[in-house]
C-alpha atoms as a PDB file:
ATOM      1  CA  MET A   1     -15.059 -44.181  46.470  1.00  0.00           C
ATOM      2  CA  ALA A   2     -15.569 -44.992  42.807  1.00  0.00           C
ATOM      3  CA  SER A   3     -18.870 -46.709  43.623  1.00  0.00           C
ATOM      4  CA  ILE A   4     -20.191 -43.445  45.059  1.00  0.00           C
ATOM      5  CA  PHE A   5     -19.486 -41.652  41.785  1.00  0.00           C
ATOM      6  CA  SER A   6     -20.993 -44.468  39.743  1.00  0.00           C
ATOM      7  CA  SER A   7     -24.092 -44.396  41.953  1.00  0.00           C
ATOM      8  CA  ILE A   8     -24.481 -40.658  41.462  1.00  0.00           C
ATOM      9  CA  PHE A   9     -23.887 -41.008  37.719  1.00  0.00           C
ATOM     10  CA  SER A  10     -26.489 -43.785  37.417  1.00  0.00           C
ATOM     11  CA  MET A  11     -29.088 -41.648  39.214  1.00  0.00           C
ATOM     12  CA  PHE A  12     -28.756 -38.894  36.622  1.00  0.00           C
ATOM     13  CA  SER A  13     -28.198 -41.066  33.569  1.00  0.00           C
ATOM     14  CA  GLY A  14     -31.158 -43.377  34.160  1.00  0.00           C
ATOM     15  CA  GLY A  15     -28.775 -46.327  34.135  1.00  0.00           C
ATOM     16  CA  GLY A  16     -31.309 -48.725  35.612  1.00  0.00           C
ATOM     17  CA  LYS A  17     -31.124 -51.552  33.056  1.00  0.00           C
ATOM     18  CA  SER A  18     -27.517 -52.630  33.529  1.00  0.00           C
ATOM     19  CA  ALA A  19     -26.411 -56.231  33.711  1.00  0.00           C
ATOM     20  CA  GLU A  20     -25.374 -55.637  37.316  1.00  0.00           C
ATOM     21  CA  ALA A  21     -27.614 -58.251  38.915  1.00  0.00           C
ATOM     22  CA  PRO A  22     -30.925 -60.082  38.615  1.00  0.00           C
ATOM     23  CA  ALA A  23     -33.906 -59.528  40.959  1.00  0.00           C
ATOM     24  CA  SER A  24     -31.630 -60.047  43.931  1.00  0.00           C
ATOM     25  CA  ALA A  25     -27.874 -59.953  44.244  1.00  0.00           C
ATOM     26  CA  SER A  26     -25.724 -62.290  46.268  1.00  0.00           C
ATOM     27  CA  SER A  27     -22.096 -62.960  46.980  1.00  0.00           C
ATOM     28  CA  GLU A  28     -19.881 -65.731  48.214  1.00  0.00           C
ATOM     29  CA  PRO A  29     -20.671 -66.860  51.778  1.00  0.00           C
ATOM     30  CA  GLN A  30     -18.530 -65.205  54.457  1.00  0.00           C
ATOM     31  CA  LEU A  31     -17.393 -67.068  57.567  1.00  0.00           C
ATOM     32  CA  TYR A  32     -17.642 -65.114  60.807  1.00  0.00           C
ATOM     33  CA  GLY A  33     -16.901 -67.011  64.008  1.00  0.00           C
ATOM     34  CA  ASP A  34     -18.903 -70.215  63.849  1.00  0.00           C
ATOM     35  CA  CYS A  35     -21.538 -68.681  61.536  1.00  0.00           C
ATOM     36  CA  THR A  36     -21.847 -68.334  57.773  1.00  0.00           C
ATOM     37  CA  ILE A  37     -23.160 -65.048  56.365  1.00  0.00           C
ATOM     38  CA  TYR A  38     -25.010 -64.919  53.044  1.00  0.00           C
ATOM     39  CA  ALA A  39     -25.486 -61.412  51.654  1.00  0.00           C
ATOM     40  CA  GLU A  40     -28.650 -61.421  49.506  1.00  0.00           C
ATOM     41  CA  PRO A  41     -29.654 -57.811  48.801  1.00  0.00           C
ATOM     42  CA  GLN A  42     -33.065 -57.444  47.165  1.00  0.00           C
ATOM     43  CA  LYS A  43     -33.410 -55.284  44.066  1.00  0.00           C
ATOM     44  CA  GLU A  44     -36.173 -52.699  44.346  1.00  0.00           C
ATOM     45  CA  GLY A  45     -36.440 -50.357  41.417  1.00  0.00           C
ATOM     46  CA  GLY A  46     -32.946 -49.072  40.733  1.00  0.00           C
ATOM     47  CA  GLN A  47     -31.701 -49.738  44.262  1.00  0.00           C
ATOM     48  CA  TYR A  48     -30.847 -52.665  46.521  1.00  0.00           C
ATOM     49  CA  ARG A  49     -32.322 -53.327  49.971  1.00  0.00           C
ATOM     50  CA  LEU A  50     -30.018 -54.731  52.664  1.00  0.00           C
ATOM     51  CA  ALA A  51     -31.004 -58.382  53.217  1.00  0.00           C
ATOM     52  CA  GLY A  52     -29.298 -61.639  54.044  1.00  0.00           C
ATOM     53  CA  ARG A  53     -29.162 -64.683  56.241  1.00  0.00           C
ATOM     54  CA  ILE A  54     -26.949 -66.097  58.945  1.00  0.00           C
ATOM     55  CA  GLU A  55     -26.513 -69.855  59.255  1.00  0.00           C
ATOM     56  CA  LYS A  56     -25.007 -71.992  61.976  1.00  0.00           C
ATOM     57  CA  THR A  57     -24.784 -75.764  62.307  1.00  0.00           C
ATOM     58  CA  VAL A  58     -25.910 -76.922  65.756  1.00  0.00           C
ATOM     59  CA  GLY A  59     -26.190 -80.603  66.588  1.00  0.00           C
ATOM     60  CA  GLY A  60     -26.045 -81.587  62.926  1.00  0.00           C
ATOM     61  CA  GLU A  61     -28.863 -79.194  61.959  1.00  0.00           C
ATOM     62  CA  VAL A  62     -28.449 -75.961  60.036  1.00  0.00           C
ATOM     63  CA  LEU A  63     -30.223 -73.102  61.804  1.00  0.00           C
ATOM     64  CA  VAL A  64     -31.057 -70.016  59.727  1.00  0.00           C
ATOM     65  CA  ARG A  65     -31.663 -66.415  60.776  1.00  0.00           C
ATOM     66  CA  ASN A  66     -32.994 -64.161  57.994  1.00  0.00           C
ATOM     67  CA  PHE A  67     -32.853 -60.380  58.146  1.00  0.00           C
ATOM     68  CA  ILE A  68     -34.099 -57.492  56.003  1.00  0.00           C
ATOM     69  CA  ARG A  69     -33.453 -53.845  56.807  1.00  0.00           C
ATOM     70  CA  ALA A  70     -34.711 -50.540  55.441  1.00  0.00           C
ATOM     71  CA  ASP A  71     -31.271 -49.475  54.180  1.00  0.00           C
ATOM     72  CA  MET A  72     -31.120 -48.934  50.395  1.00  0.00           C
ATOM     73  CA  PHE A  73     -28.021 -48.757  48.175  1.00  0.00           C
ATOM     74  CA  GLY A  74     -27.328 -47.689  44.611  1.00  0.00           C
ATOM     75  CA  SER A  75     -25.165 -50.697  43.783  1.00  0.00           C
ATOM     76  CA  SER A  76     -25.263 -54.359  44.655  1.00  0.00           C
ATOM     77  CA  ASP A  77     -21.605 -54.238  45.746  1.00  0.00           C
ATOM     78  CA  ASP A  78     -22.359 -51.548  48.348  1.00  0.00           C
ATOM     79  CA  ALA A  79     -25.415 -53.479  49.535  1.00  0.00           C
ATOM     80  CA  ILE A  80     -23.421 -56.710  49.858  1.00  0.00           C
ATOM     81  CA  GLU A  81     -20.641 -54.989  51.801  1.00  0.00           C
ATOM     82  CA  CYS A  82     -23.095 -53.406  54.263  1.00  0.00           C
ATOM     83  CA  THR A  83     -25.124 -56.619  54.553  1.00  0.00           C
ATOM     84  CA  VAL A  84     -22.030 -58.506  55.715  1.00  0.00           C
ATOM     85  CA  ARG A  85     -21.235 -55.765  58.248  1.00  0.00           C
ATOM     86  CA  LYS A  86     -24.845 -55.792  59.531  1.00  0.00           C
ATOM     87  CA  ALA A  87     -24.770 -59.587  59.899  1.00  0.00           C
ATOM     88  CA  GLN A  88     -21.523 -59.354  61.866  1.00  0.00           C
ATOM     89  CA  GLN A  89     -23.157 -56.754  64.107  1.00  0.00           C
ATOM     90  CA  ILE A  90     -26.214 -59.002  64.650  1.00  0.00           C
ATOM     91  CA  ILE A  91     -23.923 -61.919  65.576  1.00  0.00           C
ATOM     92  CA  ASP A  92     -21.817 -59.773  67.938  1.00  0.00           C
ATOM     93  CA  GLN A  93     -24.820 -58.173  69.662  1.00  0.00           C
ATOM     94  CA  ASN A  94     -26.795 -61.388  70.151  1.00  0.00           C
ATOM     95  CA  GLY A  95     -23.966 -63.789  70.855  1.00  0.00           C
ATOM     96  CA  PRO A  96     -25.017 -67.388  71.541  1.00  0.00           C
ATOM     97  CA  SER A  97     -28.636 -66.336  72.150  1.00  0.00           C
ATOM     98  CA  LEU A  98     -29.068 -65.792  68.392  1.00  0.00           C
ATOM     99  CA  PHE A  99     -29.508 -69.558  67.971  1.00  0.00           C
ATOM    100  CA  ASN A 100     -30.467 -70.666  71.524  1.00  0.00           C
ATOM    101  CA  ASP A 101     -34.190 -71.031  70.799  1.00  0.00           C
ATOM    102  CA  GLY A 102     -33.505 -73.994  68.483  1.00  0.00           C
ATOM    103  CA  ALA A 103     -35.858 -72.707  65.763  1.00  0.00           C
ATOM    104  CA  LYS A 104     -34.691 -73.901  62.358  1.00  0.00           C
ATOM    105  CA  VAL A 105     -35.620 -70.640  60.590  1.00  0.00           C
ATOM    106  CA  ARG A 106     -36.410 -67.282  62.170  1.00  0.00           C
ATOM    107  CA  GLN A 107     -36.402 -63.575  61.298  1.00  0.00           C
ATOM    108  CA  VAL A 108     -34.076 -61.337  63.285  1.00  0.00           C
END
């Protein structure tokens, strides 16, 4: 709730140059099932675009699925939180087929 107020405040105060994050923000990897989620929101102007990657080790190889969405957030914390939820949704909706093609890196 506090992040909503800080987002609104920063819109009206021009608080764009904070030490919140560099060109892109990231957080600690999150384990979800047999996958690892990396939230890597991209800074665009004073906002953050939802972006991240999902990794899974299959047969000794790390397979990566990158994703970028149109959703924008006023803080990196909000973007990270929603990126993790979106990655969980991608994993749940695709199931094993997310990594069945064997491609090492692919956009989803």
